[in-house]
Amino acid sequence: MLHFFYVYKICYMQKGLMIFLMVFYASIHAQNIKTKRGIVSLEGIHVAKISSKSGEYTFMDLKETPIFTVKFVDKSIVDSVRDSYIRLNRIYNQEKILDLDYVSPSAFSGDEKSAVYTCIKSLKIIDERGINIKNLDELFKNSPKRKLDNKTKEAYTTRSKIDKLNITVNNVGEILSNGVPVGYFTNLPVSFGSEDTITDKSFIDIEIYDAKSKFIGKYITTTKQLKTAGGKTFTLYREMSGRASILKFPTYKAIAERMAILDPNFIKIKEKVEVGEIVKDGVEK
């Protein structure tokens, strides 16, 4: 029994020593990065200057010569999926602009701290000697690929398909793709035509048909859900406000776009959209 406690004590001490050494090693290798009154300091040495205007950060040398800019981009891709990255641009050579991932010193860091931290720690275009023009030019010559997670990749794929379809809805409820009629809505609320969004709740679902009057699916106003004829369901979300996604009142256009993704046979992407004449209520249009 005593032997067991002795071994346990030794293991516990070794684990504690290992954690201490890891923390100590990290602390001695951590760079002291500070930004105060527009001056960027590394280990107490002034290395660059920074100014901001309308969300864009301009990095200058200590003589206040502008060298490059960093702009934060946060955009909606599709539904509630957003993408955040930085846009890097050289002032002395604007042939190319880079979209890059950025890193933050903490989850609560503002854009300025994240911009400085990324330039020093990740991109290595600022070091103890100042702005490193050689590394900056090399970055533009061999730009790194962004590391997107699967959810973001899928969202961009969906967005690309939607953009190619170029869907619009006219004032009589017809759905058009690149200007060609491909389907229509039925059971439209009285607010249709005066409002782009569907705010009315009704126990009568809004239905979607293709150009040959084949039932494609429906939008359930009480649950804000789309349901295809094949049984697939999808809940529409609005663009996120800040970091939180909120259920929204969708537009007719958004419903048609998402239905086209849920049912690939609804609108097929071709160089030329081919459909028959719209037949609605037994009348050819």
C-alpha atoms as a PDB file:
ATOM      1  CA  MET A   1       0.000   0.000   0.000  1.00  0.00           C
ATOM      2  CA  LEU A   2       2.810   2.395   0.909  1.00  0.00           C
ATOM      3  CA  HIS A   3       4.550   1.488  -2.321  1.00  0.00           C
ATOM      4  CA  PHE A   4       1.414   2.436  -4.287  1.00  0.00           C
ATOM      5  CA  PHE A   5       1.209   5.890  -2.676  1.00  0.00           C
ATOM      6  CA  TYR A   6       4.936   6.425  -3.254  1.00  0.00           C
ATOM      7  CA  VAL A   7       4.625   5.642  -6.956  1.00  0.00           C
ATOM      8  CA  TYR A   8       1.495   7.848  -7.220  1.00  0.00           C
ATOM      9  CA  LYS A   9       3.338  10.728  -5.537  1.00  0.00           C
ATOM     10  CA  ILE A  10       6.302  10.424  -7.915  1.00  0.00           C
ATOM     11  CA  CYS A  11       4.005  10.388 -10.978  1.00  0.00           C
ATOM     12  CA  TYR A  12       2.050  13.391  -9.688  1.00  0.00           C
ATOM     13  CA  MET A  13       5.283  15.341  -9.110  1.00  0.00           C
ATOM     14  CA  GLN A  14       6.575  14.461 -12.569  1.00  0.00           C
ATOM     15  CA  LYS A  15       3.310  15.618 -14.158  1.00  0.00           C
ATOM     16  CA  GLY A  16       3.440  18.882 -12.213  1.00  0.00           C
ATOM     17  CA  LEU A  17       7.058  19.441 -13.262  1.00  0.00           C
ATOM     18  CA  MET A  18       6.170  18.806 -16.903  1.00  0.00           C
ATOM     19  CA  ILE A  19       3.336  21.359 -16.815  1.00  0.00           C
ATOM     20  CA  PHE A  20       5.627  23.905 -15.151  1.00  0.00           C
ATOM     21  CA  LEU A  21       8.323  23.406 -17.793  1.00  0.00           C
ATOM     22  CA  MET A  22       5.774  23.772 -20.603  1.00  0.00           C
ATOM     23  CA  VAL A  23       4.452  27.030 -19.158  1.00  0.00           C
ATOM     24  CA  PHE A  24       7.987  28.288 -18.515  1.00  0.00           C
ATOM     25  CA  TYR A  25       9.096  27.418 -22.048  1.00  0.00           C
ATOM     26  CA  ALA A  26       6.063  29.175 -23.535  1.00  0.00           C
ATOM     27  CA  SER A  27       6.628  32.267 -21.397  1.00  0.00           C
ATOM     28  CA  ILE A  28      10.265  32.717 -22.370  1.00  0.00           C
ATOM     29  CA  HIS A  29       9.460  32.266 -26.047  1.00  0.00           C
ATOM     30  CA  ALA A  30       6.327  34.424 -26.049  1.00  0.00           C
ATOM     31  CA  GLN A  31       6.763  37.784 -27.721  1.00  0.00           C
ATOM     32  CA  ASN A  32       5.653  40.865 -25.871  1.00  0.00           C
ATOM     33  CA  ILE A  33       3.461  42.633 -28.429  1.00  0.00           C
ATOM     34  CA  LYS A  34       1.880  45.978 -27.607  1.00  0.00           C
ATOM     35  CA  THR A  35       0.064  48.693 -29.522  1.00  0.00           C
ATOM     36  CA  LYS A  36      -0.304  52.083 -27.886  1.00  0.00           C
ATOM     37  CA  ARG A  37      -1.211  55.429 -29.445  1.00  0.00           C
ATOM     38  CA  GLY A  38      -0.690  54.050 -32.934  1.00  0.00           C
ATOM     39  CA  ILE A  39       2.763  52.611 -32.257  1.00  0.00           C
ATOM     40  CA  VAL A  40       3.432  48.880 -32.480  1.00  0.00           C
ATOM     41  CA  SER A  41       6.092  47.588 -30.076  1.00  0.00           C
ATOM     42  CA  LEU A  42       7.798  44.213 -29.994  1.00  0.00           C
ATOM     43  CA  GLU A  43       9.736  43.362 -26.825  1.00  0.00           C
ATOM     44  CA  GLY A  44       9.621  47.049 -25.907  1.00  0.00           C
ATOM     45  CA  ILE A  45      11.071  48.161 -29.261  1.00  0.00           C
ATOM     46  CA  HIS A  46       9.026  50.352 -31.613  1.00  0.00           C
ATOM     47  CA  VAL A  47       8.734  48.500 -34.926  1.00  0.00           C
ATOM     48  CA  ALA A  48       5.821  50.061 -36.836  1.00  0.00           C
ATOM     49  CA  LYS A  49       2.954  52.512 -36.748  1.00  0.00           C
ATOM     50  CA  ILE A  50      -0.722  51.856 -37.367  1.00  0.00           C
ATOM     51  CA  SER A  51      -3.780  53.964 -38.151  1.00  0.00           C
ATOM     52  CA  SER A  52      -7.361  53.032 -38.903  1.00  0.00           C
ATOM     53  CA  LYS A  53     -10.204  54.428 -40.953  1.00  0.00           C
ATOM     54  CA  SER A  54     -13.567  52.792 -41.660  1.00  0.00           C
ATOM     55  CA  GLY A  55     -12.386  49.401 -40.445  1.00  0.00           C
ATOM     56  CA  GLU A  56      -9.211  49.399 -42.550  1.00  0.00           C
ATOM     57  CA  TYR A  57      -5.819  49.397 -40.809  1.00  0.00           C
ATOM     58  CA  THR A  58      -2.824  51.047 -42.463  1.00  0.00           C
ATOM     59  CA  PHE A  59       0.598  49.835 -41.334  1.00  0.00           C
ATOM     60  CA  MET A  60       3.471  52.300 -41.673  1.00  0.00           C
ATOM     61  CA  ASP A  61       7.178  52.292 -40.936  1.00  0.00           C
ATOM     62  CA  LEU A  62       8.436  54.499 -38.124  1.00  0.00           C
ATOM     63  CA  LYS A  63       8.838  57.369 -40.598  1.00  0.00           C
ATOM     64  CA  GLU A  64       5.076  57.069 -41.222  1.00  0.00           C
ATOM     65  CA  THR A  65       5.466  55.800 -44.779  1.00  0.00           C
ATOM     66  CA  PRO A  66       2.373  53.639 -45.539  1.00  0.00           C
ATOM     67  CA  ILE A  67       3.404  50.106 -46.534  1.00  0.00           C
ATOM     68  CA  PHE A  68       0.305  47.896 -46.462  1.00  0.00           C
ATOM     69  CA  THR A  69      -3.290  47.767 -45.311  1.00  0.00           C
ATOM     70  CA  VAL A  70      -5.357  45.133 -43.497  1.00  0.00           C
ATOM     71  CA  LYS A  71      -9.136  45.125 -43.766  1.00  0.00           C
ATOM     72  CA  PHE A  72     -11.388  42.737 -41.831  1.00  0.00           C
ATOM     73  CA  VAL A  73     -14.161  41.082 -43.827  1.00  0.00           C
ATOM     74  CA  ASP A  74     -17.128  39.374 -42.189  1.00  0.00           C
ATOM     75  CA  LYS A  75     -19.762  38.284 -44.667  1.00  0.00           C
ATOM     76  CA  SER A  76     -22.737  36.008 -44.979  1.00  0.00           C
ATOM     77  CA  ILE A  77     -22.242  33.180 -47.472  1.00  0.00           C
ATOM     78  CA  VAL A  78     -25.605  31.482 -47.341  1.00  0.00           C
ATOM     79  CA  ASP A  79     -28.242  30.993 -44.634  1.00  0.00           C
ATOM     80  CA  SER A  80     -26.561  31.407 -41.220  1.00  0.00           C
ATOM     81  CA  VAL A  81     -23.024  30.548 -42.386  1.00  0.00           C
ATOM     82  CA  ARG A  82     -20.556  33.423 -42.281  1.00  0.00           C
ATOM     83  CA  ASP A  83     -16.917  33.779 -43.236  1.00  0.00           C
ATOM     84  CA  SER A  84     -14.411  36.063 -41.523  1.00  0.00           C
ATOM     85  CA  TYR A  85     -10.975  36.843 -42.904  1.00  0.00           C
ATOM     86  CA  ILE A  86      -8.583  39.704 -43.643  1.00  0.00           C
ATOM     87  CA  ARG A  87      -7.839  41.412 -46.939  1.00  0.00           C
ATOM     88  CA  LEU A  88      -4.164  42.333 -47.294  1.00  0.00           C
ATOM     89  CA  ASN A  89      -3.053  44.966 -49.802  1.00  0.00           C
ATOM     90  CA  ARG A  90       0.364  46.474 -50.481  1.00  0.00           C
ATOM     91  CA  ILE A  91       0.257  50.232 -50.987  1.00  0.00           C
ATOM     92  CA  TYR A  92       3.389  50.318 -53.157  1.00  0.00           C
ATOM     93  CA  ASN A  93       2.200  47.499 -55.442  1.00  0.00           C
ATOM     94  CA  GLN A  94      -1.546  47.005 -55.789  1.00  0.00           C
ATOM     95  CA  GLU A  95      -1.518  44.406 -58.571  1.00  0.00           C
ATOM     96  CA  LYS A  96      -2.801  41.747 -56.199  1.00  0.00           C
ATOM     97  CA  ILE A  97      -4.940  41.608 -53.045  1.00  0.00           C
ATOM     98  CA  LEU A  98      -4.808  38.627 -50.694  1.00  0.00           C
ATOM     99  CA  ASP A  99      -7.659  37.153 -48.664  1.00  0.00           C
ATOM    100  CA  LEU A 100      -6.102  35.432 -45.657  1.00  0.00           C
ATOM    101  CA  ASP A 101      -7.002  33.763 -42.386  1.00  0.00           C
ATOM    102  CA  TYR A 102      -6.175  35.735 -39.259  1.00  0.00           C
ATOM    103  CA  VAL A 103      -5.334  34.827 -35.679  1.00  0.00           C
ATOM    104  CA  SER A 104      -6.221  36.595 -32.445  1.00  0.00           C
ATOM    105  CA  PRO A 105      -4.322  36.644 -29.140  1.00  0.00           C
ATOM    106  CA  SER A 106      -7.601  35.891 -27.352  1.00  0.00           C
ATOM    107  CA  ALA A 107     -11.292  35.403 -28.018  1.00  0.00           C
ATOM    108  CA  PHE A 108     -11.985  38.951 -26.814  1.00  0.00           C
ATOM    109  CA  SER A 109      -9.352  40.739 -28.890  1.00  0.00           C
ATOM    110  CA  GLY A 110     -10.495  43.610 -31.075  1.00  0.00           C
ATOM    111  CA  ASP A 111      -9.655  44.001 -34.752  1.00  0.00           C
ATOM    112  CA  GLU A 112      -6.573  46.163 -34.149  1.00  0.00           C
ATOM    113  CA  LYS A 113      -4.947  43.646 -31.802  1.00  0.00           C
ATOM    114  CA  SER A 114      -5.829  40.787 -34.145  1.00  0.00           C
ATOM    115  CA  ALA A 115      -4.371  42.652 -37.142  1.00  0.00           C
ATOM    116  CA  VAL A 116      -1.094  43.341 -35.355  1.00  0.00           C
ATOM    117  CA  TYR A 117      -0.904  39.846 -33.886  1.00  0.00           C
ATOM    118  CA  THR A 118      -1.525  38.241 -37.289  1.00  0.00           C
ATOM    119  CA  CYS A 119       1.124  40.353 -39.025  1.00  0.00           C
ATOM    120  CA  ILE A 120       3.732  39.419 -36.427  1.00  0.00           C
ATOM    121  CA  LYS A 121       2.920  35.875 -35.348  1.00  0.00           C
ATOM    122  CA  SER A 122       1.245  34.344 -38.398  1.00  0.00           C
ATOM    123  CA  LEU A 123       2.334  36.243 -41.505  1.00  0.00           C
ATOM    124  CA  LYS A 124       5.709  37.340 -40.102  1.00  0.00           C
ATOM    125  CA  ILE A 125       5.698  40.578 -42.067  1.00  0.00           C
ATOM    126  CA  ILE A 126       6.632  42.592 -38.979  1.00  0.00           C
ATOM    127  CA  ASP A 127       9.622  41.639 -36.830  1.00  0.00           C
ATOM    128  CA  GLU A 128      12.045  43.233 -34.378  1.00  0.00           C
ATOM    129  CA  ARG A 129      13.584  45.276 -37.200  1.00  0.00           C
ATOM    130  CA  GLY A 130      10.275  46.687 -38.420  1.00  0.00           C
ATOM    131  CA  ILE A 131       8.102  45.898 -41.437  1.00  0.00           C
ATOM    132  CA  ASN A 132       9.780  43.099 -43.389  1.00  0.00           C
ATOM    133  CA  ILE A 133       9.299  44.043 -47.046  1.00  0.00           C
ATOM    134  CA  LYS A 134      11.035  40.869 -48.240  1.00  0.00           C
ATOM    135  CA  ASN A 135       8.611  38.633 -46.356  1.00  0.00           C
ATOM    136  CA  LEU A 136       5.675  40.782 -47.461  1.00  0.00           C
ATOM    137  CA  ASP A 137       6.610  40.439 -51.152  1.00  0.00           C
ATOM    138  CA  GLU A 138       7.224  36.707 -50.709  1.00  0.00           C
ATOM    139  CA  LEU A 139       3.772  36.357 -49.173  1.00  0.00           C
ATOM    140  CA  PHE A 140       2.213  37.883 -52.287  1.00  0.00           C
ATOM    141  CA  LYS A 141       4.384  35.719 -54.526  1.00  0.00           C
ATOM    142  CA  ASN A 142       3.453  32.473 -52.753  1.00  0.00           C
ATOM    143  CA  SER A 143       0.159  33.252 -51.048  1.00  0.00           C
ATOM    144  CA  PRO A 144      -1.061  30.598 -48.575  1.00  0.00           C
ATOM    145  CA  LYS A 145      -4.400  28.880 -49.085  1.00  0.00           C
ATOM    146  CA  ARG A 146      -7.108  29.599 -46.580  1.00  0.00           C
ATOM    147  CA  LYS A 147      -8.068  26.838 -44.163  1.00  0.00           C
ATOM    148  CA  LEU A 148     -11.837  26.546 -44.400  1.00  0.00           C
ATOM    149  CA  ASP A 149     -13.847  24.054 -42.380  1.00  0.00           C
ATOM    150  CA  ASN A 150     -16.262  21.695 -44.138  1.00  0.00           C
ATOM    151  CA  LYS A 151     -19.307  23.770 -43.214  1.00  0.00           C
ATOM    152  CA  THR A 152     -17.834  26.889 -44.819  1.00  0.00           C
ATOM    153  CA  LYS A 153     -16.703  24.979 -47.918  1.00  0.00           C
ATOM    154  CA  GLU A 154     -20.192  23.550 -48.380  1.00  0.00           C
ATOM    155  CA  ALA A 155     -21.696  27.010 -47.945  1.00  0.00           C
ATOM    156  CA  TYR A 156     -19.461  28.434 -50.708  1.00  0.00           C
ATOM    157  CA  THR A 157     -20.414  25.534 -52.998  1.00  0.00           C
ATOM    158  CA  THR A 158     -24.093  26.246 -52.354  1.00  0.00           C
ATOM    159  CA  ARG A 159     -23.590  29.973 -52.904  1.00  0.00           C
ATOM    160  CA  SER A 160     -21.843  29.292 -56.230  1.00  0.00           C
ATOM    161  CA  LYS A 161     -24.791  27.183 -57.416  1.00  0.00           C
ATOM    162  CA  ILE A 162     -27.294  29.828 -56.319  1.00  0.00           C
ATOM    163  CA  ASP A 163     -25.396  32.601 -58.100  1.00  0.00           C
ATOM    164  CA  LYS A 164     -25.354  30.602 -61.343  1.00  0.00           C
ATOM    165  CA  LEU A 165     -29.117  30.110 -61.144  1.00  0.00           C
ATOM    166  CA  ASN A 166     -29.693  33.874 -60.802  1.00  0.00           C
ATOM    167  CA  ILE A 167     -33.211  33.393 -59.462  1.00  0.00           C
ATOM    168  CA  THR A 168     -35.816  36.163 -59.326  1.00  0.00           C
ATOM    169  CA  VAL A 169     -39.533  36.213 -58.503  1.00  0.00           C
ATOM    170  CA  ASN A 170     -41.821  38.508 -60.476  1.00  0.00           C
ATOM    171  CA  ASN A 171     -44.933  40.347 -59.282  1.00  0.00           C
ATOM    172  CA  VAL A 172     -47.313  37.508 -60.173  1.00  0.00           C
ATOM    173  CA  GLY A 173     -45.402  34.830 -58.278  1.00  0.00           C
ATOM    174  CA  GLU A 174     -43.497  33.292 -61.173  1.00  0.00           C
ATOM    175  CA  ILE A 175     -39.963  32.034 -60.494  1.00  0.00           C
ATOM    176  CA  LEU A 176     -37.348  32.900 -63.106  1.00  0.00           C
ATOM    177  CA  SER A 177     -33.801  31.647 -63.578  1.00  0.00           C
ATOM    178  CA  ASN A 178     -31.581  33.914 -65.685  1.00  0.00           C
ATOM    179  CA  GLY A 179     -34.761  35.569 -66.934  1.00  0.00           C
ATOM    180  CA  VAL A 180     -36.481  32.354 -68.011  1.00  0.00           C
ATOM    181  CA  PRO A 181     -39.672  31.158 -66.205  1.00  0.00           C
ATOM    182  CA  VAL A 182     -38.968  27.887 -64.368  1.00  0.00           C
ATOM    183  CA  GLY A 183     -41.799  27.650 -61.834  1.00  0.00           C
ATOM    184  CA  TYR A 184     -44.281  29.484 -59.657  1.00  0.00           C
ATOM    185  CA  PHE A 185     -45.751  29.911 -56.162  1.00  0.00           C
ATOM    186  CA  THR A 186     -49.347  29.194 -55.170  1.00  0.00           C
ATOM    187  CA  ASN A 187     -51.375  30.058 -52.042  1.00  0.00           C
ATOM    188  CA  LEU A 188     -49.636  33.417 -51.836  1.00  0.00           C
ATOM    189  CA  PRO A 189     -50.662  35.654 -48.926  1.00  0.00           C
ATOM    190  CA  VAL A 190     -52.436  38.958 -49.469  1.00  0.00           C
ATOM    191  CA  SER A 191     -49.221  40.800 -48.616  1.00  0.00           C
ATOM    192  CA  PHE A 192     -47.464  39.386 -51.699  1.00  0.00           C
ATOM    193  CA  GLY A 193     -46.494  42.121 -54.117  1.00  0.00           C
ATOM    194  CA  SER A 194     -46.273  44.782 -51.447  1.00  0.00           C
ATOM    195  CA  GLU A 195     -43.680  42.957 -49.323  1.00  0.00           C
ATOM    196  CA  ASP A 196     -40.647  40.903 -50.318  1.00  0.00           C
ATOM    197  CA  THR A 197     -40.666  38.902 -47.092  1.00  0.00           C
ATOM    198  CA  ILE A 198     -43.214  36.393 -45.826  1.00  0.00           C
ATOM    199  CA  THR A 199     -44.392  37.617 -42.450  1.00  0.00           C
ATOM    200  CA  ASP A 200     -47.925  36.188 -42.459  1.00  0.00           C
ATOM    201  CA  LYS A 201     -48.544  32.960 -40.570  1.00  0.00           C
ATOM    202  CA  SER A 202     -51.151  30.696 -42.086  1.00  0.00           C
ATOM    203  CA  PHE A 203     -52.205  27.089 -41.844  1.00  0.00           C
ATOM    204  CA  ILE A 204     -52.296  27.072 -45.644  1.00  0.00           C
ATOM    205  CA  ASP A 205     -48.775  26.351 -46.902  1.00  0.00           C
ATOM    206  CA  ILE A 206     -47.181  28.297 -49.751  1.00  0.00           C
ATOM    207  CA  GLU A 207     -46.535  25.765 -52.512  1.00  0.00           C
ATOM    208  CA  ILE A 208     -43.888  25.698 -55.226  1.00  0.00           C
ATOM    209  CA  TYR A 209     -44.350  24.088 -58.654  1.00  0.00           C
ATOM    210  CA  ASP A 210     -41.972  23.748 -61.584  1.00  0.00           C
ATOM    211  CA  ALA A 211     -42.692  25.044 -65.101  1.00  0.00           C
ATOM    212  CA  LYS A 212     -44.591  21.862 -65.970  1.00  0.00           C
ATOM    213  CA  SER A 213     -46.807  22.163 -62.874  1.00  0.00           C
ATOM    214  CA  LYS A 214     -45.042  19.379 -61.020  1.00  0.00           C
ATOM    215  CA  PHE A 215     -45.232  19.880 -57.236  1.00  0.00           C
ATOM    216  CA  ILE A 216     -41.728  20.659 -55.911  1.00  0.00           C
ATOM    217  CA  GLY A 217     -42.372  21.497 -52.291  1.00  0.00           C
ATOM    218  CA  LYS A 218     -43.880  23.919 -49.822  1.00  0.00           C
ATOM    219  CA  TYR A 219     -42.992  26.604 -47.308  1.00  0.00           C
ATOM    220  CA  ILE A 220     -44.661  26.157 -43.912  1.00  0.00           C
ATOM    221  CA  THR A 221     -45.181  29.663 -42.534  1.00  0.00           C
ATOM    222  CA  THR A 222     -45.873  28.533 -38.947  1.00  0.00           C
ATOM    223  CA  THR A 223     -42.481  26.783 -38.586  1.00  0.00           C
ATOM    224  CA  LYS A 224     -40.476  28.704 -41.219  1.00  0.00           C
ATOM    225  CA  GLN A 225     -39.579  25.376 -42.803  1.00  0.00           C
ATOM    226  CA  LEU A 226     -39.218  24.245 -46.373  1.00  0.00           C
ATOM    227  CA  LYS A 227     -40.323  20.736 -47.229  1.00  0.00           C
ATOM    228  CA  THR A 228     -39.718  19.126 -50.605  1.00  0.00           C
ATOM    229  CA  ALA A 229     -42.060  16.689 -52.330  1.00  0.00           C
ATOM    230  CA  GLY A 230     -39.431  14.041 -51.537  1.00  0.00           C
ATOM    231  CA  GLY A 231     -39.571  14.752 -47.791  1.00  0.00           C
ATOM    232  CA  LYS A 232     -36.430  16.840 -47.289  1.00  0.00           C
ATOM    233  CA  THR A 233     -36.802  19.677 -44.779  1.00  0.00           C
ATOM    234  CA  PHE A 234     -34.834  22.855 -44.202  1.00  0.00           C
ATOM    235  CA  THR A 235     -35.278  25.794 -41.806  1.00  0.00           C
ATOM    236  CA  LEU A 236     -34.362  29.171 -43.244  1.00  0.00           C
ATOM    237  CA  TYR A 237     -32.213  31.510 -41.139  1.00  0.00           C
ATOM    238  CA  ARG A 238     -31.346  35.112 -41.618  1.00  0.00           C
ATOM    239  CA  GLU A 239     -27.887  36.588 -41.914  1.00  0.00           C
ATOM    240  CA  MET A 240     -26.329  36.490 -38.484  1.00  0.00           C
ATOM    241  CA  SER A 241     -26.257  39.660 -36.447  1.00  0.00           C
ATOM    242  CA  GLY A 242     -22.883  39.720 -34.725  1.00  0.00           C
ATOM    243  CA  ARG A 243     -22.287  36.076 -33.847  1.00  0.00           C
ATOM    244  CA  ALA A 244     -25.872  34.912 -33.258  1.00  0.00           C
ATOM    245  CA  SER A 245     -28.173  33.420 -35.875  1.00  0.00           C
ATOM    246  CA  ILE A 246     -31.830  34.370 -35.585  1.00  0.00           C
ATOM    247  CA  LEU A 247     -34.861  32.945 -37.334  1.00  0.00           C
ATOM    248  CA  LYS A 248     -36.043  35.405 -39.912  1.00  0.00           C
ATOM    249  CA  PHE A 249     -38.912  36.079 -42.239  1.00  0.00           C
ATOM    250  CA  PRO A 250     -37.488  34.813 -45.538  1.00  0.00           C
ATOM    251  CA  THR A 251     -37.927  36.362 -48.951  1.00  0.00           C
ATOM    252  CA  TYR A 252     -39.679  34.555 -51.800  1.00  0.00           C
ATOM    253  CA  LYS A 253     -36.366  34.650 -53.649  1.00  0.00           C
ATOM    254  CA  ALA A 254     -34.571  32.907 -50.745  1.00  0.00           C
ATOM    255  CA  ILE A 255     -37.251  30.196 -50.672  1.00  0.00           C
ATOM    256  CA  ALA A 256     -36.914  29.547 -54.405  1.00  0.00           C
ATOM    257  CA  GLU A 257     -33.111  29.481 -54.156  1.00  0.00           C
ATOM    258  CA  ARG A 258     -33.064  27.007 -51.282  1.00  0.00           C
ATOM    259  CA  MET A 259     -35.703  24.810 -52.930  1.00  0.00           C
ATOM    260  CA  ALA A 260     -33.509  24.654 -56.031  1.00  0.00           C
ATOM    261  CA  ILE A 261     -30.653  23.363 -53.857  1.00  0.00           C
ATOM    262  CA  LEU A 262     -32.827  20.875 -51.974  1.00  0.00           C
ATOM    263  CA  ASP A 263     -34.261  19.501 -55.227  1.00  0.00           C
ATOM    264  CA  PRO A 264     -31.578  19.548 -57.970  1.00  0.00           C
ATOM    265  CA  ASN A 265     -34.191  18.537 -60.547  1.00  0.00           C
ATOM    266  CA  PHE A 266     -36.235  21.693 -59.946  1.00  0.00           C
ATOM    267  CA  ILE A 267     -33.876  23.985 -61.863  1.00  0.00           C
ATOM    268  CA  LYS A 268     -30.938  22.373 -63.622  1.00  0.00           C
ATOM    269  CA  ILE A 269     -27.893  24.532 -64.224  1.00  0.00           C
ATOM    270  CA  LYS A 270     -27.179  24.670 -67.954  1.00  0.00           C
ATOM    271  CA  GLU A 271     -25.608  27.143 -70.311  1.00  0.00           C
ATOM    272  CA  LYS A 272     -29.171  27.788 -71.415  1.00  0.00           C
ATOM    273  CA  VAL A 273     -32.147  27.145 -69.162  1.00  0.00           C
ATOM    274  CA  GLU A 274     -34.609  24.852 -70.943  1.00  0.00           C
ATOM    275  CA  VAL A 275     -38.163  24.619 -69.647  1.00  0.00           C
ATOM    276  CA  GLY A 276     -41.639  24.138 -71.001  1.00  0.00           C
ATOM    277  CA  GLU A 277     -44.404  26.680 -70.878  1.00  0.00           C
ATOM    278  CA  ILE A 278     -45.789  27.430 -67.433  1.00  0.00           C
ATOM    279  CA  VAL A 279     -49.177  25.848 -66.942  1.00  0.00           C
ATOM    280  CA  LYS A 280     -51.037  27.259 -63.935  1.00  0.00           C
ATOM    281  CA  ASP A 281     -54.599  26.439 -63.069  1.00  0.00           C
ATOM    282  CA  GLY A 282     -54.945  24.715 -66.454  1.00  0.00           C
ATOM    283  CA  VAL A 283     -54.043  27.894 -68.389  1.00  0.00           C
ATOM    284  CA  GLU A 284     -50.900  28.056 -70.536  1.00  0.00           C
ATOM    285  CA  LYS A 285     -48.857  31.217 -70.002  1.00  0.00           C
END
